[in-house]
Amino acid sequence: MFTKAVPLLRVVPRLQQTTRLGHGVPAHWKPMRQICEENKNHMNFMPVPAGSWQEHHAAQNAKWNKQLVAGLVLFIGTYTMLWQTGCIYYHSAPPMFNGPKQ
């Protein structure tokens, strides 16, 4: 009984696979370009440069130079304050005495 059913059972998955896959893409599918344009992911939606690049570059450099100078001033001010209060011992050991006797 099973010898007659086995060949038939082997053919059934192949028939399902060929009818399921078909040939080519389904009619309702969209091309990738159309999907990208609908989602605004296409190169057409990239920003277009406008204005002088040299003016923008000079403005950016001016901003970065101001930040650099401000950082240096803050660093030097902080280091000077720490050195004057005795928190930093420059190339020497901290004092090894308790101070004057009262």
Protein backbone atom coordinates (compact mmCIF):
# COMPACT_ATOMS: atom_id res chain seq x y z
CA MET A 1 0.00 0.00 0.00
CA PHE A 2 2.78 2.44 0.92
CA THR A 3 4.76 1.55 -2.19
CA LYS A 4 2.09 3.15 -4.37
CA ALA A 5 1.72 6.27 -2.14
CA VAL A 6 5.43 7.10 -1.70
CA PRO A 7 6.05 8.36 -5.28
CA LEU A 8 2.91 10.46 -5.08
CA LEU A 9 3.98 11.94 -1.73
CA ARG A 10 7.35 12.87 -3.22
CA VAL A 11 5.76 14.80 -6.10
CA VAL A 12 3.31 16.86 -4.01
CA PRO A 13 5.90 19.28 -2.44
CA ARG A 14 7.43 19.91 -5.87
CA LEU A 15 4.04 20.86 -7.29
CA GLN A 16 3.35 23.23 -4.42
CA GLN A 17 6.77 24.85 -4.84
CA THR A 18 6.39 25.51 -8.55
CA THR A 19 2.93 27.01 -8.20
CA ARG A 20 4.00 29.15 -5.24
CA LEU A 21 7.14 30.68 -6.79
CA GLY A 22 5.91 31.29 -10.32
CA HIS A 23 8.06 33.16 -12.86
CA GLY A 24 9.23 36.73 -12.25
CA VAL A 25 8.01 39.17 -9.65
CA PRO A 26 4.33 39.64 -8.83
CA ALA A 27 2.44 42.37 -10.68
CA HIS A 28 1.87 44.47 -7.52
CA TRP A 29 5.58 44.86 -6.70
CA LYS A 30 7.24 48.25 -7.16
CA PRO A 31 10.73 48.86 -8.45
CA MET A 32 13.34 49.84 -5.87
CA ARG A 33 13.71 53.38 -7.30
CA GLN A 34 10.00 54.07 -6.84
CA ILE A 35 10.09 52.82 -3.25
CA CYS A 36 13.13 54.99 -2.48
CA GLU A 37 11.49 58.09 -3.98
CA GLU A 38 8.29 57.52 -1.98
CA ASN A 39 10.32 57.23 1.24
CA LYS A 40 12.55 60.17 0.28
CA ASN A 41 15.64 57.94 0.39
CA HIS A 42 16.78 58.73 -3.11
CA MET A 43 19.75 60.85 -4.25
CA ASN A 44 17.25 63.39 -5.59
CA PHE A 45 16.40 64.31 -1.98
CA MET A 46 20.00 64.99 -0.86
CA PRO A 47 20.79 68.61 0.04
CA VAL A 48 22.31 70.67 -2.75
CA PRO A 49 25.32 72.79 -1.78
CA ALA A 50 24.71 76.53 -1.99
CA GLY A 51 26.90 79.53 -1.24
CA SER A 52 30.64 79.88 -1.02
CA TRP A 53 32.51 76.99 0.56
CA GLN A 54 35.33 79.36 1.53
CA GLU A 55 33.05 81.59 3.60
CA HIS A 56 31.60 78.56 5.39
CA HIS A 57 35.10 77.17 5.99
CA ALA A 58 36.32 80.51 7.38
CA ALA A 59 33.30 80.78 9.71
CA GLN A 60 33.85 77.23 11.02
CA ASN A 61 37.56 77.89 11.59
CA ALA A 62 36.78 81.12 13.45
CA LYS A 63 34.36 79.25 15.75
CA TRP A 64 36.87 76.45 16.39
CA ASN A 65 39.68 78.95 17.06
CA LYS A 66 37.50 80.74 19.66
CA GLN A 67 36.81 77.40 21.37
CA LEU A 68 40.53 76.55 21.33
CA VAL A 69 41.50 79.89 22.91
CA ALA A 70 38.73 79.61 25.53
CA GLY A 71 39.92 76.09 26.42
CA LEU A 72 43.53 77.21 26.75
CA VAL A 73 42.55 80.18 28.96
CA LEU A 74 40.46 77.93 31.21
CA PHE A 75 43.26 75.35 31.43
CA ILE A 76 45.89 77.93 32.32
CA GLY A 77 43.57 79.59 34.86
CA THR A 78 42.72 76.27 36.51
CA TYR A 79 46.35 75.14 36.61
CA THR A 80 47.47 78.48 38.11
CA MET A 81 44.77 78.35 40.80
CA LEU A 82 45.69 74.77 41.74
CA TRP A 83 49.41 75.60 41.86
CA GLN A 84 48.89 78.70 44.05
CA THR A 85 46.67 76.82 46.52
CA GLY A 86 49.29 74.10 46.91
CA CYS A 87 47.34 71.23 45.36
CA ILE A 88 50.08 70.63 42.77
CA TYR A 89 53.70 69.98 43.80
CA TYR A 90 55.75 70.66 40.69
CA HIS A 91 58.83 68.37 40.55
CA SER A 92 59.10 68.04 44.31
CA ALA A 93 57.70 66.02 47.15
CA PRO A 94 54.97 67.40 49.40
CA PRO A 95 56.17 69.00 52.63
CA MET A 96 57.07 66.39 55.25
CA PHE A 97 56.45 68.42 58.42
CA ASN A 98 53.44 69.30 60.51
CA GLY A 99 54.02 73.03 60.61
CA PRO A 100 55.12 75.37 63.38
CA LYS A 101 54.50 74.39 67.00
CA GLN A 102 52.09 76.56 68.97
